[in-house]
Structures are given as structure tokens and as C-alpha cells.
């Protein structure tokens, strides 16, 4: 069975009449093609870069709240 890689949603799966089975996009590559491997490597590099970057906004906000609470607790 021929598998495809969707460049829109990143799904790898069976060919559904030239479209992605998950999102229906026609922006697909053969999963074993060199272009597909390059696409996956670039996507993974972007994801690693985002994951190793600064903390998320929610994490920063939680740290501020906890820091203020501990500051008030130890000031007295």
C-alpha cells in the first residue's frame, strides 16, 4: 500500500484518492520520497527549536504568582 505525507497537517497514512485521509488536503508527498524526509527533518528542527526556547507565557505567569506569594509569606 502506498503511504503519503501531508504537508498541511503532517499526517502519514494511506493515500485517499490523492488527498490526505485526515484533513483532505491535496498537498501530499509520497512518504518514502526524499522531499518527504527533508520536510520531516525541517519540521522536527523547528519543533526542537521551539521546545528549547524560553518558557511559555503560562509558565512565566505561574512563576510570578508563586514568587509574589512566597515574597509576602517571608516578608512578615
PDB file of N, CA and C in Angstrom:
ATOM      1  N   UNK A   1       0.841  -1.180   0.000  1.00  0.00           N
ATOM      2  CA  UNK A   1       0.000   0.000   0.000  1.00  0.00           C
ATOM      3  C   UNK A   1       0.889   1.247   0.000  1.00  0.00           C
ATOM      4  N   UNK A   2       0.525   2.237  -0.752  1.00  0.00           N
ATOM      5  CA  UNK A   2       1.268   3.477  -0.914  1.00  0.00           C
ATOM      6  C   UNK A   2       0.885   4.447   0.204  1.00  0.00           C
ATOM      7  N   UNK A   3       1.885   4.922   0.964  1.00  0.00           N
ATOM      8  CA  UNK A   3       1.623   5.879   2.032  1.00  0.00           C
ATOM      9  C   UNK A   3       2.059   7.268   1.601  1.00  0.00           C
ATOM     10  N   UNK A   4       1.368   8.274   2.149  1.00  0.00           N
ATOM     11  CA  UNK A   4       1.656   9.666   1.821  1.00  0.00           C
ATOM     12  C   UNK A   4       1.928  10.455   3.092  1.00  0.00           C
ATOM     13  N   UNK A   5       2.593  11.582   2.914  1.00  0.00           N
ATOM     14  CA  UNK A   5       2.843  12.536   3.987  1.00  0.00           C
ATOM     15  C   UNK A   5       2.121  13.816   3.622  1.00  0.00           C
ATOM     16  N   UNK A   6       1.248  14.281   4.491  1.00  0.00           N
ATOM     17  CA  UNK A   6       0.521  15.530   4.254  1.00  0.00           C
ATOM     18  C   UNK A   6       1.385  16.693   4.724  1.00  0.00           C
ATOM     19  N   UNK A   7       1.650  17.645   3.856  1.00  0.00           N
ATOM     20  CA  UNK A   7       2.463  18.800   4.232  1.00  0.00           C
ATOM     21  C   UNK A   7       1.641  19.852   4.964  1.00  0.00           C
ATOM     22  N   UNK A   8       0.358  19.680   5.026  1.00  0.00           N
ATOM     23  CA  UNK A   8      -0.505  20.629   5.724  1.00  0.00           C
ATOM     24  C   UNK A   8      -0.654  20.267   7.198  1.00  0.00           C
ATOM     25  N   UNK A   9      -1.002  18.986   7.488  1.00  0.00           N
ATOM     26  CA  UNK A   9      -1.219  18.586   8.885  1.00  0.00           C
ATOM     27  C   UNK A   9      -0.137  17.658   9.415  1.00  0.00           C
ATOM     28  N   UNK A  10       0.752  17.152   8.536  1.00  0.00           N
ATOM     29  CA  UNK A  10       1.845  16.308   8.968  1.00  0.00           C
ATOM     30  C   UNK A  10       1.503  14.843   9.142  1.00  0.00           C
ATOM     31  N   UNK A  11       0.304  14.433   8.767  1.00  0.00           N
ATOM     32  CA  UNK A  11      -0.120  13.046   8.929  1.00  0.00           C
ATOM     33  C   UNK A  11       0.563  12.154   7.896  1.00  0.00           C
ATOM     34  N   UNK A  12       0.882  10.942   8.338  1.00  0.00           N
ATOM     35  CA  UNK A  12       1.405   9.926   7.430  1.00  0.00           C
ATOM     36  C   UNK A  12       0.391   8.801   7.427  1.00  0.00           C
ATOM     37  N   UNK A  13      -0.049   8.408   6.246  1.00  0.00           N
ATOM     38  CA  UNK A  13      -1.048   7.359   6.179  1.00  0.00           C
ATOM     39  C   UNK A  13      -1.336   6.938   4.761  1.00  0.00           C
ATOM     40  N   UNK A  14      -2.382   6.157   4.594  1.00  0.00           N
ATOM     41  CA  UNK A  14      -2.712   5.658   3.260  1.00  0.00           C
ATOM     42  C   UNK A  14      -3.192   6.787   2.338  1.00  0.00           C
ATOM     43  N   UNK A  15      -2.985   6.567   1.074  1.00  0.00           N
ATOM     44  CA  UNK A  15      -3.410   7.513   0.047  1.00  0.00           C
ATOM     45  C   UNK A  15      -4.925   7.421  -0.118  1.00  0.00           C
ATOM     46  N   UNK A  16      -5.623   8.542   0.036  1.00  0.00           N
ATOM     47  CA  UNK A  16      -7.080   8.580  -0.132  1.00  0.00           C
ATOM     48  C   UNK A  16      -7.393   9.350  -1.405  1.00  0.00           C
ATOM     49  N   UNK A  17      -7.232   8.706  -2.535  1.00  0.00           N
ATOM     50  CA  UNK A  17      -7.515   9.299  -3.848  1.00  0.00           C
ATOM     51  C   UNK A  17      -6.704  10.578  -4.072  1.00  0.00           C
ATOM     52  N   UNK A  18      -5.423  10.574  -3.658  1.00  0.00           N
ATOM     53  CA  UNK A  18      -4.552  11.725  -3.861  1.00  0.00           C
ATOM     54  C   UNK A  18      -4.700  12.802  -2.816  1.00  0.00           C
ATOM     55  N   UNK A  19      -5.477  12.558  -1.776  1.00  0.00           N
ATOM     56  CA  UNK A  19      -5.697  13.528  -0.712  1.00  0.00           C
ATOM     57  C   UNK A  19      -5.325  12.923   0.629  1.00  0.00           C
ATOM     58  N   UNK A  20      -5.127  13.780   1.619  1.00  0.00           N
ATOM     59  CA  UNK A  20      -4.837  13.333   2.979  1.00  0.00           C
ATOM     60  C   UNK A  20      -6.099  12.729   3.587  1.00  0.00           C
ATOM     61  N   UNK A  21      -5.956  11.580   4.230  1.00  0.00           N
ATOM     62  CA  UNK A  21      -7.103  10.931   4.852  1.00  0.00           C
ATOM     63  C   UNK A  21      -7.570  11.696   6.087  1.00  0.00           C
ATOM     64  N   UNK A  22      -6.683  12.445   6.751  1.00  0.00           N
ATOM     65  CA  UNK A  22      -7.049  13.165   7.971  1.00  0.00           C
ATOM     66  C   UNK A  22      -7.728  14.499   7.674  1.00  0.00           C
ATOM     67  N   UNK A  23      -7.070  15.346   6.864  1.00  0.00           N
ATOM     68  CA  UNK A  23      -7.599  16.698   6.659  1.00  0.00           C
ATOM     69  C   UNK A  23      -8.169  16.937   5.262  1.00  0.00           C
ATOM     70  N   UNK A  24      -7.934  16.015   4.326  1.00  0.00           N
ATOM     71  CA  UNK A  24      -8.479  16.168   2.985  1.00  0.00           C
ATOM     72  C   UNK A  24      -7.657  17.047   2.058  1.00  0.00           C
ATOM     73  N   UNK A  25      -6.503  17.492   2.507  1.00  0.00           N
ATOM     74  CA  UNK A  25      -5.660  18.363   1.703  1.00  0.00           C
ATOM     75  C   UNK A  25      -5.056  17.594   0.529  1.00  0.00           C
ATOM     76  N   UNK A  26      -4.835  18.306  -0.559  1.00  0.00           N
ATOM     77  CA  UNK A  26      -4.187  17.696  -1.706  1.00  0.00           C
ATOM     78  C   UNK A  26      -2.687  17.985  -1.712  1.00  0.00           C
ATOM     79  N   UNK A  27      -2.180  18.622  -0.662  1.00  0.00           N
ATOM     80  CA  UNK A  27      -0.758  18.936  -0.535  1.00  0.00           C
ATOM     81  C   UNK A  27      -0.050  17.753   0.124  1.00  0.00           C
ATOM     82  N   UNK A  28       0.210  16.713  -0.653  1.00  0.00           N
ATOM     83  CA  UNK A  28       0.799  15.489  -0.120  1.00  0.00           C
ATOM     84  C   UNK A  28       2.047  15.105  -0.899  1.00  0.00           C
ATOM     85  N   UNK A  29       2.921  14.350  -0.228  1.00  0.00           N
ATOM     86  CA  UNK A  29       4.126  13.797  -0.833  1.00  0.00           C
ATOM     87  C   UNK A  29       4.143  12.299  -0.583  1.00  0.00           C
ATOM     88  N   UNK A  30       4.798  11.558  -1.434  1.00  0.00           N
ATOM     89  CA  UNK A  30       4.992  10.139  -1.169  1.00  0.00           C
ATOM     90  C   UNK A  30       5.863  10.026   0.085  1.00  0.00           C
ATOM     91  N   UNK A  31       5.459   9.197   1.043  1.00  0.00           N
ATOM     92  CA  UNK A  31       6.133   9.121   2.333  1.00  0.00           C
ATOM     93  C   UNK A  31       7.578   8.672   2.221  1.00  0.00           C
ATOM     94  N   UNK A  32       7.912   7.918   1.192  1.00  0.00           N
ATOM     95  CA  UNK A  32       9.283   7.442   1.050  1.00  0.00           C
ATOM     96  C   UNK A  32      10.126   8.307   0.105  1.00  0.00           C
ATOM     97  N   UNK A  33       9.609   9.439  -0.310  1.00  0.00           N
ATOM     98  CA  UNK A  33      10.330  10.336  -1.216  1.00  0.00           C
ATOM     99  C   UNK A  33      11.365  11.160  -0.442  1.00  0.00           C
ATOM    100  N   UNK A  34      12.457  11.558  -1.090  1.00  0.00           N
ATOM    101  CA  UNK A  34      13.460  12.387  -0.424  1.00  0.00           C
ATOM    102  C   UNK A  34      12.892  13.722   0.065  1.00  0.00           C
ATOM    103  N   UNK A  35      11.930  14.284  -0.679  1.00  0.00           N
ATOM    104  CA  UNK A  35      11.321  15.546  -0.251  1.00  0.00           C
ATOM    105  C   UNK A  35      10.550  15.367   1.054  1.00  0.00           C
ATOM    106  N   UNK A  36       9.934  14.216   1.232  1.00  0.00           N
ATOM    107  CA  UNK A  36       9.194  13.945   2.468  1.00  0.00           C
ATOM    108  C   UNK A  36      10.158  13.868   3.644  1.00  0.00           C
ATOM    109  N   UNK A  37      11.274  13.207   3.462  1.00  0.00           N
ATOM    110  CA  UNK A  37      12.271  13.118   4.538  1.00  0.00           C
ATOM    111  C   UNK A  37      12.784  14.505   4.909  1.00  0.00           C
ATOM    112  N   UNK A  38      13.052  15.341   3.908  1.00  0.00           N
ATOM    113  CA  UNK A  38      13.519  16.701   4.166  1.00  0.00           C
ATOM    114  C   UNK A  38      12.450  17.503   4.916  1.00  0.00           C
ATOM    115  N   UNK A  39      11.182  17.349   4.518  1.00  0.00           N
ATOM    116  CA  UNK A  39      10.085  18.039   5.188  1.00  0.00           C
ATOM    117  C   UNK A  39      10.019  17.640   6.660  1.00  0.00           C
ATOM    118  N   UNK A  40      10.134  16.338   6.945  1.00  0.00           N
ATOM    119  CA  UNK A  40      10.068  15.846   8.326  1.00  0.00           C
ATOM    120  C   UNK A  40      11.246  16.365   9.141  1.00  0.00           C
ATOM    121  N   UNK A  41      12.446  16.352   8.571  1.00  0.00           N
ATOM    122  CA  UNK A  41      13.620  16.855   9.284  1.00  0.00           C
ATOM    123  C   UNK A  41      13.492  18.339   9.606  1.00  0.00           C
ATOM    124  N   UNK A  42      13.002  19.136   8.667  1.00  0.00           N
ATOM    125  CA  UNK A  42      12.818  20.572   8.909  1.00  0.00           C
ATOM    126  C   UNK A  42      11.755  20.823   9.961  1.00  0.00           C
ATOM    127  N   UNK A  43      10.653  20.059   9.904  1.00  0.00           N
ATOM    128  CA  UNK A  43       9.587  20.207  10.891  1.00  0.00           C
ATOM    129  C   UNK A  43      10.090  19.854  12.287  1.00  0.00           C
ATOM    130  N   UNK A  44      10.848  18.771  12.403  1.00  0.00           N
ATOM    131  CA  UNK A  44      11.393  18.365  13.694  1.00  0.00           C
ATOM    132  C   UNK A  44      12.386  19.393  14.232  1.00  0.00           C
ATOM    133  N   UNK A  45      13.186  19.978  13.344  1.00  0.00           N
ATOM    134  CA  UNK A  45      14.141  21.010  13.763  1.00  0.00           C
ATOM    135  C   UNK A  45      13.406  22.241  14.297  1.00  0.00           C
ATOM    136  N   UNK A  46      12.318  22.626  13.627  1.00  0.00           N
ATOM    137  CA  UNK A  46      11.520  23.759  14.116  1.00  0.00           C
ATOM    138  C   UNK A  46      10.910  23.448  15.474  1.00  0.00           C
ATOM    139  N   UNK A  47      10.397  22.238  15.645  1.00  0.00           N
ATOM    140  CA  UNK A  47       9.778  21.853  16.915  1.00  0.00           C
ATOM    141  C   UNK A  47      10.802  21.793  18.037  1.00  0.00           C
ATOM    142  N   UNK A  48      12.008  21.301  17.750  1.00  0.00           N
ATOM    143  CA  UNK A  48      13.058  21.269  18.778  1.00  0.00           C
ATOM    144  C   UNK A  48      13.450  22.681  19.166  1.00  0.00           C
ATOM    145  N   UNK A  49      13.522  23.582  18.204  1.00  0.00           N
ATOM    146  CA  UNK A  49      13.884  24.966  18.485  1.00  0.00           C
ATOM    147  C   UNK A  49      12.842  25.649  19.352  1.00  0.00           C
ATOM    148  N   UNK A  50      11.582  25.391  19.103  1.00  0.00           N
ATOM    149  CA  UNK A  50      10.514  25.990  19.902  1.00  0.00           C
ATOM    150  C   UNK A  50      10.482  25.401  21.297  1.00  0.00           C
ATOM    151  N   UNK A  51      10.763  24.107  21.419  1.00  0.00           N
ATOM    152  CA  UNK A  51      10.713  23.451  22.721  1.00  0.00           C
ATOM    153  C   UNK A  51      11.880  23.878  23.603  1.00  0.00           C
ATOM    154  N   UNK A  52      13.033  24.172  23.023  1.00  0.00           N
ATOM    155  CA  UNK A  52      14.188  24.536  23.826  1.00  0.00           C
ATOM    156  C   UNK A  52      14.273  26.041  24.067  1.00  0.00           C
ATOM    157  N   UNK A  53      13.313  26.787  23.575  1.00  0.00           N
ATOM    158  CA  UNK A  53      13.310  28.234  23.738  1.00  0.00           C
ATOM    159  C   UNK A  53      12.894  28.646  25.141  1.00  0.00           C
ATOM    160  N   UNK A  54      12.451  29.860  25.289  1.00  0.00           N
ATOM    161  CA  UNK A  54      12.073  30.372  26.596  1.00  0.00           C
ATOM    162  C   UNK A  54      10.785  29.708  27.082  1.00  0.00           C
ATOM    163  N   UNK A  55      10.514  29.897  28.351  1.00  0.00           N
ATOM    164  CA  UNK A  55       9.332  29.312  28.959  1.00  0.00           C
ATOM    165  C   UNK A  55       8.069  29.934  28.372  1.00  0.00           C
ATOM    166  N   UNK A  56       6.973  29.186  28.424  1.00  0.00           N
ATOM    167  CA  UNK A  56       5.723  29.686  27.880  1.00  0.00           C
ATOM    168  C   UNK A  56       5.184  30.820  28.746  1.00  0.00           C
ATOM    169  N   UNK A  57       4.241  31.544  28.214  1.00  0.00           N
ATOM    170  CA  UNK A  57       3.646  32.666  28.940  1.00  0.00           C
ATOM    171  C   UNK A  57       2.962  32.170  30.206  1.00  0.00           C
ATOM    172  N   UNK A  58       2.279  31.030  30.118  1.00  0.00           N
ATOM    173  CA  UNK A  58       1.593  30.478  31.282  1.00  0.00           C
ATOM    174  C   UNK A  58       2.592  30.089  32.374  1.00  0.00           C
ATOM    175  N   UNK A  59       3.719  29.520  31.981  1.00  0.00           N
ATOM    176  CA  UNK A  59       4.745  29.137  32.950  1.00  0.00           C
ATOM    177  C   UNK A  59       5.334  30.374  33.620  1.00  0.00           C
ATOM    178  N   UNK A  60       5.574  31.406  32.851  1.00  0.00           N
ATOM    179  CA  UNK A  60       6.099  32.644  33.423  1.00  0.00           C
ATOM    180  C   UNK A  60       5.101  33.269  34.395  1.00  0.00           C
ATOM    181  N   UNK A  61       3.817  33.284  34.035  1.00  0.00           N
ATOM    182  CA  UNK A  61       2.796  33.864  34.908  1.00  0.00           C
ATOM    183  C   UNK A  61       2.688  33.079  36.211  1.00  0.00           C
ATOM    184  N   UNK A  62       2.759  31.756  36.133  1.00  0.00           N
ATOM    185  CA  UNK A  62       2.700  30.931  37.338  1.00  0.00           C
ATOM    186  C   UNK A  62       3.889  31.221  38.241  1.00  0.00           C
ATOM    187  N   UNK A  63       5.069  31.374  37.652  1.00  0.00           N
ATOM    188  CA  UNK A  63       6.258  31.694  38.436  1.00  0.00           C
ATOM    189  C   UNK A  63       6.132  33.035  39.139  1.00  0.00           C
ATOM    190  N   UNK A  64       5.555  34.016  38.460  1.00  0.00           N
ATOM    191  CA  UNK A  64       5.368  35.334  39.080  1.00  0.00           C
ATOM    192  C   UNK A  64       4.414  35.255  40.259  1.00  0.00           C
ATOM    193  N   UNK A  65       3.313  34.531  40.083  1.00  0.00           N
ATOM    194  CA  UNK A  65       2.326  34.402  41.164  1.00  0.00           C
ATOM    195  C   UNK A  65       2.955  33.712  42.370  1.00  0.00           C
ATOM    196  N   UNK A  66       3.660  32.618  42.137  1.00  0.00           N
ATOM    197  CA  UNK A  66       4.300  31.906  43.238  1.00  0.00           C
ATOM    198  C   UNK A  66       5.372  32.755  43.901  1.00  0.00           C
ATOM    199  N   UNK A  67       6.137  33.489  43.109  1.00  0.00           N
ATOM    200  CA  UNK A  67       7.166  34.358  43.671  1.00  0.00           C
ATOM    201  C   UNK A  67       6.581  35.447  44.555  1.00  0.00           C
ATOM    202  N   UNK A  68       5.483  36.041  44.122  1.00  0.00           N
ATOM    203  CA  UNK A  68       4.830  37.072  44.942  1.00  0.00           C
ATOM    204  C   UNK A  68       4.288  36.496  46.234  1.00  0.00           C
ATOM    205  N   UNK A  69       3.678  35.305  46.144  1.00  0.00           N
ATOM    206  CA  UNK A  69       3.122  34.667  47.335  1.00  0.00           C
ATOM    207  C   UNK A  69       4.228  34.336  48.330  1.00  0.00           C
ATOM    208  N   UNK A  70       5.317  33.795  47.862  1.00  0.00           N
ATOM    209  CA  UNK A  70       6.420  33.473  48.759  1.00  0.00           C
ATOM    210  C   UNK A  70       7.072  34.744  49.317  1.00  0.00           C
ATOM    211  N   UNK A  71       7.138  35.770  48.512  1.00  0.00           N
ATOM    212  CA  UNK A  71       7.678  37.042  48.993  1.00  0.00           C
ATOM    213  C   UNK A  71       6.849  37.619  50.118  1.00  0.00           C
ATOM    214  N   UNK A  72       5.535  37.570  49.984  1.00  0.00           N
ATOM    215  CA  UNK A  72       4.660  38.067  51.055  1.00  0.00           C
ATOM    216  C   UNK A  72       4.769  37.203  52.300  1.00  0.00           C
ATOM    217  N   UNK A  73       4.899  35.917  52.116  1.00  0.00           N
ATOM    218  CA  UNK A  73       4.986  34.987  53.238  1.00  0.00           C
ATOM    219  C   UNK A  73       6.247  35.216  54.056  1.00  0.00           C
ATOM    220  N   UNK A  74       7.377  35.438  53.390  1.00  0.00           N
ATOM    221  CA  UNK A  74       8.645  35.572  54.092  1.00  0.00           C
ATOM    222  C   UNK A  74       8.955  36.996  54.521  1.00  0.00           C
ATOM    223  N   UNK A  75       8.200  37.974  54.061  1.00  0.00           N
ATOM    224  CA  UNK A  75       8.416  39.362  54.489  1.00  0.00           C
ATOM    225  C   UNK A  75       7.971  39.581  55.921  1.00  0.00           C
ATOM    226  N   UNK A  76       6.976  38.869  56.354  1.00  0.00           N
ATOM    227  CA  UNK A  76       6.401  39.102  57.692  1.00  0.00           C
ATOM    228  C   UNK A  76       7.178  38.456  58.771  1.00  0.00           C
TER     229      UNK A  76
END
